[in-house]
PDB file of all heavy atoms in Angstrom:
ATOM      1  N   ARG A   1     112.902  85.926  94.224  1.00  0.00           N
ATOM      2  CA  ARG A   1     112.263  87.222  94.077  1.00  0.00           C
ATOM      3  C   ARG A   1     110.764  87.078  94.334  1.00  0.00           C
ATOM      4  O   ARG A   1     110.137  86.138  93.838  1.00  0.00           O
ATOM      5  CB  ARG A   1     112.506  87.800  92.687  1.00  0.00           C
ATOM      6  CG  ARG A   1     111.985  89.219  92.511  1.00  0.00           C
ATOM      7  CD  ARG A   1     112.452  89.856  91.205  1.00  0.00           C
ATOM      8  NE  ARG A   1     113.907  89.986  91.154  1.00  0.00           N
ATOM      9  CZ  ARG A   1     114.568  90.620  90.205  1.00  0.00           C
ATOM     10  NH1 ARG A   1     113.899  91.200  89.200  1.00  0.00           N
ATOM     11  NH2 ARG A   1     115.892  90.676  90.229  1.00  0.00           N
ATOM     12  N   GLU A   2     110.193  87.996  95.105  1.00  0.00           N
ATOM     13  CA  GLU A   2     108.803  87.888  95.494  1.00  0.00           C
ATOM     14  C   GLU A   2     108.048  89.177  95.188  1.00  0.00           C
ATOM     15  O   GLU A   2     108.600  90.275  95.218  1.00  0.00           O
ATOM     16  CB  GLU A   2     108.665  87.553  96.987  1.00  0.00           C
ATOM     17  CG  GLU A   2     109.199  88.621  97.925  1.00  0.00           C
ATOM     18  CD  GLU A   2     109.018  88.264  99.394  1.00  0.00           C
ATOM     19  OE1 GLU A   2     108.389  87.233  99.698  1.00  0.00           O
ATOM     20  OE2 GLU A   2     109.514  89.021 100.254  1.00  0.00           O
ATOM     21  N   LEU A   3     106.772  89.010  94.918  1.00  0.00           N
ATOM     22  CA  LEU A   3     105.887  90.145  94.675  1.00  0.00           C
ATOM     23  C   LEU A   3     105.622  90.886  95.977  1.00  0.00           C
ATOM     24  O   LEU A   3     105.274  90.284  96.993  1.00  0.00           O
ATOM     25  CB  LEU A   3     104.569  89.662  94.079  1.00  0.00           C
ATOM     26  CG  LEU A   3     103.463  90.714  93.908  1.00  0.00           C
ATOM     27  CD1 LEU A   3     103.821  91.692  92.799  1.00  0.00           C
ATOM     28  CD2 LEU A   3     102.123  90.046  93.617  1.00  0.00           C
ATOM     29  N   VAL A   4     105.765  92.210  95.960  1.00  0.00           N
ATOM     30  CA  VAL A   4     105.374  93.067  97.065  1.00  0.00           C
ATOM     31  C   VAL A   4     103.953  93.585  96.860  1.00  0.00           C
ATOM     32  O   VAL A   4     103.115  93.528  97.756  1.00  0.00           O
ATOM     33  CB  VAL A   4     106.354  94.239  97.238  1.00  0.00           C
ATOM     34  CG1 VAL A   4     105.883  95.193  98.337  1.00  0.00           C
ATOM     35  CG2 VAL A   4     107.757  93.722  97.543  1.00  0.00           C
ATOM     36  N   GLY A   5     103.678  94.107  95.666  1.00  0.00           N
ATOM     37  CA  GLY A   5     102.358  94.602  95.335  1.00  0.00           C
ATOM     38  C   GLY A   5     102.310  95.105  93.918  1.00  0.00           C
ATOM     39  O   GLY A   5     103.333  95.210  93.237  1.00  0.00           O
ATOM     40  N   ALA A   6     101.102  95.423  93.455  1.00  0.00           N
ATOM     41  CA  ALA A   6     100.905  95.889  92.091  1.00  0.00           C
ATOM     42  C   ALA A   6      99.804  96.933  92.061  1.00  0.00           C
ATOM     43  O   ALA A   6      98.960  96.995  92.968  1.00  0.00           O
ATOM     44  CB  ALA A   6     100.561  94.726  91.162  1.00  0.00           C
ATOM     45  N   ILE A   7      99.819  97.749  91.006  1.00  0.00           N
ATOM     46  CA  ILE A   7      98.805  98.780  90.816  1.00  0.00           C
ATOM     47  C   ILE A   7      98.385  98.773  89.358  1.00  0.00           C
ATOM     48  O   ILE A   7      99.213  98.719  88.451  1.00  0.00           O
ATOM     49  CB  ILE A   7      99.319 100.165  91.263  1.00  0.00           C
ATOM     50  CG1 ILE A   7      98.210 101.215  91.179  1.00  0.00           C
ATOM     51  CG2 ILE A   7     100.557 100.585  90.481  1.00  0.00           C
ATOM     52  CD1 ILE A   7      98.553 102.511  91.906  1.00  0.00           C
ATOM     53  N   SER A   8      97.081  98.822  89.115  1.00  0.00           N
ATOM     54  CA  SER A   8      96.549  98.766  87.770  1.00  0.00           C
ATOM     55  C   SER A   8      96.500 100.158  87.149  1.00  0.00           C
ATOM     56  O   SER A   8      96.786 101.173  87.787  1.00  0.00           O
ATOM     57  CB  SER A   8      95.147  98.154  87.783  1.00  0.00           C
ATOM     58  OG  SER A   8      94.213  99.074  88.316  1.00  0.00           O
ATOM     59  N   THR A   9      96.118 100.206  85.865  1.00  0.00           N
ATOM     60  CA  THR A   9      95.981 101.488  85.177  1.00  0.00           C
ATOM     61  C   THR A   9      94.921 102.370  85.827  1.00  0.00           C
ATOM     62  O   THR A   9      95.008 103.597  85.750  1.00  0.00           O
ATOM     63  CB  THR A   9      95.634 101.284  83.700  1.00  0.00           C
ATOM     64  OG1 THR A   9      94.438 100.504  83.596  1.00  0.00           O
ATOM     65  CG2 THR A   9      96.769 100.574  82.971  1.00  0.00           C
ATOM     66  N   SER A  10      93.933 101.775  86.466  1.00  0.00           N
ATOM     67  CA  SER A  10      92.870 102.524  87.129  1.00  0.00           C
ATOM     68  C   SER A  10      93.229 102.955  88.547  1.00  0.00           C
ATOM     69  O   SER A  10      92.475 103.702  89.170  1.00  0.00           O
ATOM     70  CB  SER A  10      91.585 101.703  87.170  1.00  0.00           C
ATOM     71  OG  SER A  10      91.711 100.608  88.052  1.00  0.00           O
ATOM     72  N   GLY A  11      94.366 102.475  89.076  1.00  0.00           N
ATOM     73  CA  GLY A  11      94.770 102.791  90.431  1.00  0.00           C
ATOM     74  C   GLY A  11      94.407 101.744  91.461  1.00  0.00           C
ATOM     75  O   GLY A  11      94.734 101.917  92.642  1.00  0.00           O
ATOM     76  N   ALA A  12      93.748 100.665  91.060  1.00  0.00           N
ATOM     77  CA  ALA A  12      93.457  99.578  91.981  1.00  0.00           C
ATOM     78  C   ALA A  12      94.744  98.868  92.375  1.00  0.00           C
ATOM     79  O   ALA A  12      95.630  98.671  91.543  1.00  0.00           O
ATOM     80  CB  ALA A  12      92.482  98.594  91.353  1.00  0.00           C
ATOM     81  N   THR A  13      94.865  98.465  93.650  1.00  0.00           N
ATOM     82  CA  THR A  13      96.094  97.863  94.155  1.00  0.00           C
ATOM     83  C   THR A  13      95.834  96.532  94.832  1.00  0.00           C
ATOM     84  O   THR A  13      94.725  96.253  95.289  1.00  0.00           O
ATOM     85  CB  THR A  13      96.791  98.784  95.168  1.00  0.00           C
ATOM     86  OG1 THR A  13      95.915  99.029  96.277  1.00  0.00           O
ATOM     87  CG2 THR A  13      97.174 100.107  94.525  1.00  0.00           C
ATOM     88  N   ASN A  14      96.873  95.707  94.882  1.00  0.00           N
ATOM     89  CA  ASN A  14      96.879  94.517  95.711  1.00  0.00           C
ATOM     90  C   ASN A  14      98.291  94.326  96.253  1.00  0.00           C
ATOM     91  O   ASN A  14      99.272  94.552  95.539  1.00  0.00           O
ATOM     92  CB  ASN A  14      96.410  93.276  94.947  1.00  0.00           C
ATOM     93  CG  ASN A  14      97.338  92.889  93.820  1.00  0.00           C
ATOM     94  OD1 ASN A  14      97.266  93.429  92.718  1.00  0.00           O
ATOM     95  ND2 ASN A  14      98.228  91.933  94.090  1.00  0.00           N
ATOM     96  N   ASN A  15      98.394  93.918  97.519  1.00  0.00           N
ATOM     97  CA  ASN A  15      99.677  93.738  98.188  1.00  0.00           C
ATOM     98  C   ASN A  15      99.809  92.327  98.728  1.00  0.00           C
ATOM     99  O   ASN A  15      98.810  91.671  99.033  1.00  0.00           O
ATOM    100  CB  ASN A  15      99.831  94.721  99.347  1.00  0.00           C
ATOM    101  CG  ASN A  15      99.975  96.159  98.896  1.00  0.00           C
ATOM    102  OD1 ASN A  15     100.387  96.431  97.777  1.00  0.00           O
ATOM    103  ND2 ASN A  15      99.653  97.089  99.791  1.00  0.00           N
ATOM    104  N   ALA A  16     101.054  91.879  98.862  1.00  0.00           N
ATOM    105  CA  ALA A  16     101.320  90.594  99.491  1.00  0.00           C
ATOM    106  C   ALA A  16     100.896  90.632 100.958  1.00  0.00           C
ATOM    107  O   ALA A  16     100.926  91.685 101.603  1.00  0.00           O
ATOM    108  CB  ALA A  16     102.798  90.247  99.378  1.00  0.00           C
ATOM    109  N   ASP A  17     100.502  89.473 101.493  1.00  0.00           N
ATOM    110  CA  ASP A  17     100.021  89.409 102.875  1.00  0.00           C
ATOM    111  C   ASP A  17     101.049  89.925 103.882  1.00  0.00           C
ATOM    112  O   ASP A  17     100.679  90.548 104.877  1.00  0.00           O
ATOM    113  CB  ASP A  17      99.628  87.975 103.236  1.00  0.00           C
ATOM    114  CG  ASP A  17      98.351  87.525 102.553  1.00  0.00           C
ATOM    115  OD1 ASP A  17      97.583  88.378 102.074  1.00  0.00           O
ATOM    116  OD2 ASP A  17      98.115  86.302 102.510  1.00  0.00           O
ATOM    117  N   CYS A  18     102.330  89.681 103.628  1.00  0.00           N
ATOM    118  CA  CYS A  18     103.362  90.044 104.593  1.00  0.00           C
ATOM    119  C   CYS A  18     103.572  91.552 104.721  1.00  0.00           C
ATOM    120  O   CYS A  18     104.200  92.003 105.683  1.00  0.00           O
ATOM    121  CB  CYS A  18     104.692  89.361 104.243  1.00  0.00           C
ATOM    122  SG  CYS A  18     105.333  89.766 102.607  1.00  0.00           S
ATOM    123  N   VAL A  19     103.038  92.347 103.784  1.00  0.00           N
ATOM    124  CA  VAL A  19     103.200  93.797 103.851  1.00  0.00           C
ATOM    125  C   VAL A  19     101.869  94.537 103.949  1.00  0.00           C
ATOM    126  O   VAL A  19     101.869  95.768 104.068  1.00  0.00           O
ATOM    127  CB  VAL A  19     104.003  94.343 102.654  1.00  0.00           C
ATOM    128  CG1 VAL A  19     105.352  93.646 102.552  1.00  0.00           C
ATOM    129  CG2 VAL A  19     103.216  94.205 101.356  1.00  0.00           C
ATOM    130  N   LYS A  20     100.756  93.830 103.919  1.00  0.00           N
ATOM    131  CA  LYS A  20      99.446  94.481 104.016  1.00  0.00           C
ATOM    132  C   LYS A  20      99.327  95.261 105.321  1.00  0.00           C
ATOM    133  O   LYS A  20      99.687  94.775 106.384  1.00  0.00           O
ATOM    134  CB  LYS A  20      98.324  93.453 103.912  1.00  0.00           C
ATOM    135  CG  LYS A  20      98.017  93.020 102.495  1.00  0.00           C
ATOM    136  CD  LYS A  20      96.846  92.060 102.433  1.00  0.00           C
ATOM    137  CE  LYS A  20      96.528  91.696 100.998  1.00  0.00           C
ATOM    138  NZ  LYS A  20      95.451  90.688 100.898  1.00  0.00           N
ATOM    139  N   GLY A  21      98.818  96.485 105.210  1.00  0.00           N
ATOM    140  CA  GLY A  21      98.702  97.357 106.363  1.00  0.00           C
ATOM    141  C   GLY A  21      99.942  98.170 106.638  1.00  0.00           C
ATOM    142  O   GLY A  21      99.905  99.079 107.468  1.00  0.00           O
ATOM    143  N   ARG A  22     101.050  97.882 105.958  1.00  0.00           N
ATOM    144  CA  ARG A  22     102.305  98.608 106.163  1.00  0.00           C
ATOM    145  C   ARG A  22     102.787  99.330 104.900  1.00  0.00           C
ATOM    146  O   ARG A  22     103.346 100.417 104.998  1.00  0.00           O
ATOM    147  CB  ARG A  22     103.408  97.664 106.647  1.00  0.00           C
ATOM    148  CG  ARG A  22     103.100  96.979 107.972  1.00  0.00           C
ATOM    149  CD  ARG A  22     104.323  96.254 108.517  1.00  0.00           C
ATOM    150  NE  ARG A  22     104.767  95.182 107.622  1.00  0.00           N
ATOM    151  CZ  ARG A  22     105.980  95.111 107.072  1.00  0.00           C
ATOM    152  NH1 ARG A  22     106.882  96.054 107.331  1.00  0.00           N
ATOM    153  NH2 ARG A  22     106.297  94.092 106.295  1.00  0.00           N
ATOM    154  N   PHE A  23     102.593  98.713 103.729  1.00  0.00           N
ATOM    155  CA  PHE A  23     103.083  99.271 102.461  1.00  0.00           C
ATOM    156  C   PHE A  23     101.916  99.767 101.618  1.00  0.00           C
ATOM    157  O   PHE A  23     100.833  99.169 101.619  1.00  0.00           O
ATOM    158  CB  PHE A  23     103.846  98.216 101.662  1.00  0.00           C
ATOM    159  CG  PHE A  23     105.180  97.795 102.235  1.00  0.00           C
ATOM    160  CD1 PHE A  23     105.566  98.151 103.512  1.00  0.00           C
ATOM    161  CD2 PHE A  23     106.041  97.041 101.460  1.00  0.00           C
ATOM    162  CE1 PHE A  23     106.792  97.757 104.032  1.00  0.00           C
ATOM    163  CE2 PHE A  23     107.271  96.643 101.967  1.00  0.00           C
ATOM    164  CZ  PHE A  23     107.646  96.996 103.242  1.00  0.00           C
ATOM    165  N   THR A  24     102.140 100.842 100.860  1.00  0.00           N
ATOM    166  CA  THR A  24     101.149 101.405  99.958  1.00  0.00           C
ATOM    167  C   THR A  24     101.793 101.711  98.618  1.00  0.00           C
ATOM    168  O   THR A  24     102.877 102.295  98.564  1.00  0.00           O
ATOM    169  CB  THR A  24     100.539 102.693 100.537  1.00  0.00           C
ATOM    170  OG1 THR A  24      99.952 102.428 101.810  1.00  0.00           O
ATOM    171  CG2 THR A  24      99.479 103.250  99.588  1.00  0.00           C
TER     172      THR A  24
END
């Protein structure tokens, strides 16, 4: 199982490199 991305309580996000630019 792998991380796709996460979002904080403030709305800040980070995504895995393999989906950056494609997933939100």
